[in-house]
Amino acid sequence: MTLDDCTTAIRSKVGDDSGLNATLKFDCGEAGTIYVDGKSAPNSVDNRGADADCTVGITLDNLAAMLRGELEPATGFMTGKLKVQGDMSVALRMQRVV
C-alpha cells in the first residue's frame, strides 16, 4: 500500500465522526505522514505534518498491515513496531481509525 492508499483507507474508517475527539498523526518517516483531526466536525484526514495530541511512529508497511487487520495496534506497540509519543489515551483509542 502507498501512503495515498493508507490515507484513503483511514479516511473511510474515520468518516464524519470517529469518536476519537483528538488529533492523531501517523509518522511513517520518509514515506510521509497521515494526520487525523478527530476534533473537527466533520473529522478530516490528510497528509500534513502538524503537531498532534498523539504521534505514532510506524513504517508504512506496518501501517498497511494494521489497516489490513494483520497487525493489532497493541501487538505492534509491545513488539516495538510502533512508537507512541504524546497522549497515550489517544493511542488507546486508535483502533477506531485503523
N, C-alpha and C. Protein backbone atom coordinates (compact mmCIF):
# COMPACT_ATOMS: atom_id res chain seq x y z
N MET A 1 0.84 -1.18 0.00
CA MET A 1 0.00 0.00 0.00
C MET A 1 0.89 1.25 0.00
N THR A 2 0.48 2.23 -0.76
CA THR A 2 1.19 3.50 -0.76
C THR A 2 0.65 4.38 0.37
N LEU A 3 1.30 5.51 0.59
CA LEU A 3 0.81 6.46 1.59
C LEU A 3 -0.59 6.93 1.23
N ASP A 4 -0.83 7.18 -0.07
CA ASP A 4 -2.17 7.61 -0.51
C ASP A 4 -3.21 6.53 -0.24
N ASP A 5 -2.85 5.26 -0.47
CA ASP A 5 -3.78 4.15 -0.19
C ASP A 5 -4.12 4.10 1.30
N CYS A 6 -3.10 4.24 2.14
CA CYS A 6 -3.33 4.22 3.59
C CYS A 6 -4.18 5.41 4.03
N THR A 7 -3.91 6.59 3.46
CA THR A 7 -4.68 7.79 3.79
C THR A 7 -6.14 7.59 3.43
N THR A 8 -6.39 7.06 2.25
CA THR A 8 -7.77 6.80 1.80
C THR A 8 -8.46 5.79 2.70
N ALA A 9 -7.75 4.73 3.09
CA ALA A 9 -8.33 3.70 3.96
C ALA A 9 -8.68 4.28 5.33
N ILE A 10 -7.79 5.09 5.89
CA ILE A 10 -8.06 5.70 7.19
C ILE A 10 -9.21 6.70 7.07
N ARG A 11 -9.22 7.48 5.99
CA ARG A 11 -10.31 8.45 5.78
C ARG A 11 -11.66 7.75 5.76
N SER A 12 -11.74 6.59 5.10
CA SER A 12 -13.02 5.89 5.03
C SER A 12 -13.42 5.33 6.39
N LYS A 13 -12.45 4.93 7.22
CA LYS A 13 -12.76 4.41 8.55
C LYS A 13 -13.14 5.53 9.51
N VAL A 14 -12.54 6.70 9.35
CA VAL A 14 -12.81 7.83 10.24
C VAL A 14 -14.21 8.37 10.01
N GLY A 15 -14.58 8.56 8.75
CA GLY A 15 -15.89 9.10 8.43
C GLY A 15 -16.07 10.51 8.97
N ASP A 16 -17.30 10.89 9.26
CA ASP A 16 -17.59 12.23 9.76
C ASP A 16 -17.29 12.38 11.24
N ASP A 17 -17.42 11.28 12.01
CA ASP A 17 -17.19 11.36 13.45
C ASP A 17 -16.63 10.03 13.94
N SER A 18 -15.33 9.99 14.14
CA SER A 18 -14.66 8.77 14.56
C SER A 18 -14.82 8.50 16.05
N GLY A 19 -15.21 9.52 16.82
CA GLY A 19 -15.25 9.38 18.27
C GLY A 19 -13.88 9.52 18.90
N LEU A 20 -12.88 9.86 18.11
CA LEU A 20 -11.52 10.00 18.61
C LEU A 20 -11.39 11.22 19.52
N ASN A 21 -12.04 12.32 19.17
CA ASN A 21 -12.03 13.56 19.95
C ASN A 21 -10.62 14.05 20.26
N ALA A 22 -9.70 13.84 19.31
CA ALA A 22 -8.31 14.25 19.47
C ALA A 22 -7.66 14.27 18.10
N THR A 23 -6.43 14.76 18.04
CA THR A 23 -5.67 14.69 16.80
C THR A 23 -4.63 13.59 16.94
N LEU A 24 -4.43 12.88 15.84
CA LEU A 24 -3.54 11.73 15.81
C LEU A 24 -2.73 11.79 14.52
N LYS A 25 -1.43 11.60 14.66
CA LYS A 25 -0.57 11.62 13.47
C LYS A 25 0.18 10.30 13.37
N PHE A 26 0.14 9.71 12.18
CA PHE A 26 0.96 8.54 11.87
C PHE A 26 2.18 9.05 11.13
N ASP A 27 3.35 8.92 11.75
CA ASP A 27 4.60 9.38 11.15
C ASP A 27 5.32 8.18 10.56
N CYS A 28 5.30 8.11 9.24
CA CYS A 28 5.91 6.99 8.53
C CYS A 28 7.30 7.35 8.01
N GLY A 29 7.97 8.28 8.66
CA GLY A 29 9.32 8.67 8.28
C GLY A 29 9.35 9.32 6.91
N GLU A 30 10.28 8.89 6.08
CA GLU A 30 10.44 9.47 4.75
C GLU A 30 9.24 9.24 3.85
N ALA A 31 8.43 8.23 4.16
CA ALA A 31 7.24 7.94 3.34
C ALA A 31 6.18 9.01 3.50
N GLY A 32 6.20 9.75 4.64
CA GLY A 32 5.24 10.82 4.87
C GLY A 32 4.43 10.63 6.14
N THR A 33 3.42 11.48 6.30
CA THR A 33 2.59 11.42 7.49
C THR A 33 1.11 11.39 7.12
N ILE A 34 0.32 10.86 8.03
CA ILE A 34 -1.13 10.89 7.91
C ILE A 34 -1.65 11.54 9.19
N TYR A 35 -2.41 12.61 9.03
CA TYR A 35 -2.91 13.39 10.15
C TYR A 35 -4.42 13.23 10.25
N VAL A 36 -4.88 12.76 11.41
CA VAL A 36 -6.30 12.56 11.65
C VAL A 36 -6.77 13.65 12.62
N ASP A 37 -7.67 14.50 12.17
CA ASP A 37 -8.24 15.53 13.04
C ASP A 37 -9.60 15.06 13.52
N GLY A 38 -9.60 14.44 14.68
CA GLY A 38 -10.83 13.93 15.26
C GLY A 38 -11.56 14.96 16.09
N LYS A 39 -11.04 16.20 16.12
CA LYS A 39 -11.70 17.29 16.85
C LYS A 39 -12.60 18.11 15.93
N SER A 40 -12.27 18.14 14.65
CA SER A 40 -13.05 18.94 13.71
C SER A 40 -14.37 18.26 13.40
N ALA A 41 -15.33 19.04 12.95
CA ALA A 41 -16.62 18.49 12.56
C ALA A 41 -16.93 18.93 11.14
N PRO A 42 -16.95 18.04 10.17
CA PRO A 42 -16.67 16.62 10.30
C PRO A 42 -15.17 16.36 10.49
N ASN A 43 -14.84 15.15 10.95
CA ASN A 43 -13.43 14.77 11.11
C ASN A 43 -12.76 14.82 9.75
N SER A 44 -11.43 15.04 9.76
CA SER A 44 -10.71 15.08 8.49
C SER A 44 -9.43 14.27 8.59
N VAL A 45 -8.96 13.82 7.43
CA VAL A 45 -7.72 13.06 7.32
C VAL A 45 -6.96 13.62 6.14
N ASP A 46 -5.68 13.98 6.37
CA ASP A 46 -4.84 14.48 5.29
C ASP A 46 -3.39 14.13 5.56
N ASN A 47 -2.49 14.70 4.81
CA ASN A 47 -1.08 14.34 4.92
C ASN A 47 -0.20 15.48 5.45
N ARG A 48 -0.80 16.40 6.19
CA ARG A 48 0.01 17.48 6.76
C ARG A 48 0.83 16.95 7.93
N GLY A 49 1.88 17.65 8.25
CA GLY A 49 2.76 17.22 9.33
C GLY A 49 2.58 18.04 10.59
N ALA A 50 1.37 18.50 10.86
CA ALA A 50 1.10 19.36 12.01
C ALA A 50 1.29 18.60 13.33
N ASP A 51 1.45 19.37 14.41
CA ASP A 51 1.52 18.77 15.74
C ASP A 51 0.20 18.10 16.07
N ALA A 52 0.28 17.01 16.81
CA ALA A 52 -0.92 16.25 17.17
C ALA A 52 -0.89 15.90 18.65
N ASP A 53 -2.06 15.57 19.19
CA ASP A 53 -2.14 15.14 20.59
C ASP A 53 -1.33 13.87 20.80
N CYS A 54 -1.28 13.02 19.78
CA CYS A 54 -0.55 11.76 19.85
C CYS A 54 0.10 11.49 18.49
N THR A 55 1.37 11.14 18.50
CA THR A 55 2.07 10.78 17.27
C THR A 55 2.51 9.33 17.36
N VAL A 56 2.18 8.57 16.32
CA VAL A 56 2.56 7.16 16.24
C VAL A 56 3.64 7.03 15.17
N GLY A 57 4.83 6.64 15.60
CA GLY A 57 5.92 6.37 14.66
C GLY A 57 5.80 4.93 14.19
N ILE A 58 5.67 4.76 12.87
CA ILE A 58 5.42 3.43 12.32
C ILE A 58 5.89 3.40 10.87
N THR A 59 6.35 2.25 10.40
CA THR A 59 6.72 2.15 9.00
C THR A 59 5.44 2.06 8.16
N LEU A 60 5.55 2.43 6.91
CA LEU A 60 4.40 2.35 6.01
C LEU A 60 3.92 0.90 5.88
N ASP A 61 4.85 -0.05 5.84
CA ASP A 61 4.48 -1.46 5.74
C ASP A 61 3.69 -1.93 6.96
N ASN A 62 4.12 -1.51 8.16
CA ASN A 62 3.40 -1.91 9.37
C ASN A 62 2.05 -1.22 9.47
N LEU A 63 1.95 0.04 9.01
CA LEU A 63 0.66 0.72 9.00
C LEU A 63 -0.29 0.00 8.05
N ALA A 64 0.20 -0.38 6.88
CA ALA A 64 -0.62 -1.12 5.92
C ALA A 64 -1.08 -2.45 6.53
N ALA A 65 -0.21 -3.12 7.27
CA ALA A 65 -0.57 -4.38 7.92
C ALA A 65 -1.67 -4.15 8.96
N MET A 66 -1.60 -3.04 9.70
CA MET A 66 -2.67 -2.72 10.66
C MET A 66 -3.99 -2.49 9.94
N LEU A 67 -3.94 -1.77 8.84
CA LEU A 67 -5.17 -1.47 8.10
C LEU A 67 -5.79 -2.72 7.48
N ARG A 68 -4.95 -3.69 7.15
CA ARG A 68 -5.46 -4.96 6.61
C ARG A 68 -5.89 -5.92 7.71
N GLY A 69 -5.66 -5.56 8.97
CA GLY A 69 -6.02 -6.43 10.08
C GLY A 69 -4.99 -7.49 10.39
N GLU A 70 -3.80 -7.36 9.82
CA GLU A 70 -2.74 -8.34 10.03
C GLU A 70 -1.87 -8.01 11.24
N LEU A 71 -1.98 -6.78 11.76
CA LEU A 71 -1.20 -6.36 12.92
C LEU A 71 -2.12 -5.58 13.85
N GLU A 72 -2.29 -6.10 15.06
CA GLU A 72 -3.09 -5.40 16.07
C GLU A 72 -2.26 -4.26 16.65
N PRO A 73 -2.86 -3.09 16.89
CA PRO A 73 -2.10 -1.97 17.45
C PRO A 73 -1.39 -2.32 18.76
N ALA A 74 -2.04 -3.04 19.67
CA ALA A 74 -1.41 -3.39 20.95
C ALA A 74 -0.19 -4.28 20.72
N THR A 75 -0.31 -5.23 19.81
CA THR A 75 0.80 -6.11 19.50
C THR A 75 1.95 -5.31 18.88
N GLY A 76 1.60 -4.40 17.98
CA GLY A 76 2.62 -3.55 17.36
C GLY A 76 3.37 -2.73 18.38
N PHE A 77 2.66 -2.22 19.37
CA PHE A 77 3.29 -1.43 20.43
C PHE A 77 4.21 -2.30 21.27
N MET A 78 3.72 -3.46 21.69
CA MET A 78 4.50 -4.33 22.57
C MET A 78 5.73 -4.91 21.88
N THR A 79 5.67 -5.07 20.57
CA THR A 79 6.81 -5.64 19.84
C THR A 79 7.72 -4.56 19.25
N GLY A 80 7.42 -3.29 19.53
CA GLY A 80 8.27 -2.21 19.06
C GLY A 80 8.07 -1.82 17.61
N LYS A 81 7.01 -2.31 16.99
CA LYS A 81 6.75 -1.96 15.59
C LYS A 81 6.12 -0.59 15.45
N LEU A 82 5.64 -0.04 16.58
CA LEU A 82 5.16 1.34 16.57
C LEU A 82 5.56 1.99 17.89
N LYS A 83 5.87 3.27 17.79
CA LYS A 83 6.28 4.05 18.96
C LYS A 83 5.26 5.17 19.16
N VAL A 84 4.86 5.39 20.39
CA VAL A 84 3.85 6.39 20.70
C VAL A 84 4.49 7.55 21.45
N GLN A 85 4.20 8.77 20.99
CA GLN A 85 4.62 9.98 21.68
C GLN A 85 3.38 10.82 21.94
N GLY A 86 3.30 11.38 23.13
CA GLY A 86 2.15 12.23 23.45
C GLY A 86 1.14 11.50 24.31
N ASP A 87 -0.11 11.83 24.11
CA ASP A 87 -1.21 11.36 24.95
C ASP A 87 -1.50 9.87 24.68
N MET A 88 -1.15 9.04 25.65
CA MET A 88 -1.34 7.59 25.49
C MET A 88 -2.82 7.22 25.41
N SER A 89 -3.70 8.01 26.03
CA SER A 89 -5.14 7.68 25.95
C SER A 89 -5.64 7.80 24.51
N VAL A 90 -5.04 8.69 23.72
CA VAL A 90 -5.41 8.79 22.30
C VAL A 90 -4.95 7.54 21.57
N ALA A 91 -3.75 7.07 21.89
CA ALA A 91 -3.24 5.85 21.26
C ALA A 91 -4.15 4.66 21.56
N LEU A 92 -4.71 4.63 22.76
CA LEU A 92 -5.61 3.53 23.12
C LEU A 92 -6.90 3.56 22.32
N ARG A 93 -7.28 4.75 21.84
CA ARG A 93 -8.49 4.88 21.02
C ARG A 93 -8.18 4.73 19.53
N MET A 94 -6.94 4.47 19.19
CA MET A 94 -6.50 4.41 17.79
C MET A 94 -7.26 3.36 16.98
N GLN A 95 -7.71 2.30 17.63
CA GLN A 95 -8.42 1.25 16.89
C GLN A 95 -9.68 1.76 16.22
N ARG A 96 -10.18 2.92 16.64
CA ARG A 96 -11.36 3.50 15.99
C ARG A 96 -11.05 3.97 14.58
N VAL A 97 -9.77 4.22 14.30
CA VAL A 97 -9.43 4.76 12.98
C VAL A 97 -8.57 3.82 12.15
N VAL A 98 -8.14 2.70 12.70
CA VAL A 98 -7.39 1.72 11.90
C VAL A 98 -8.14 0.43 11.92
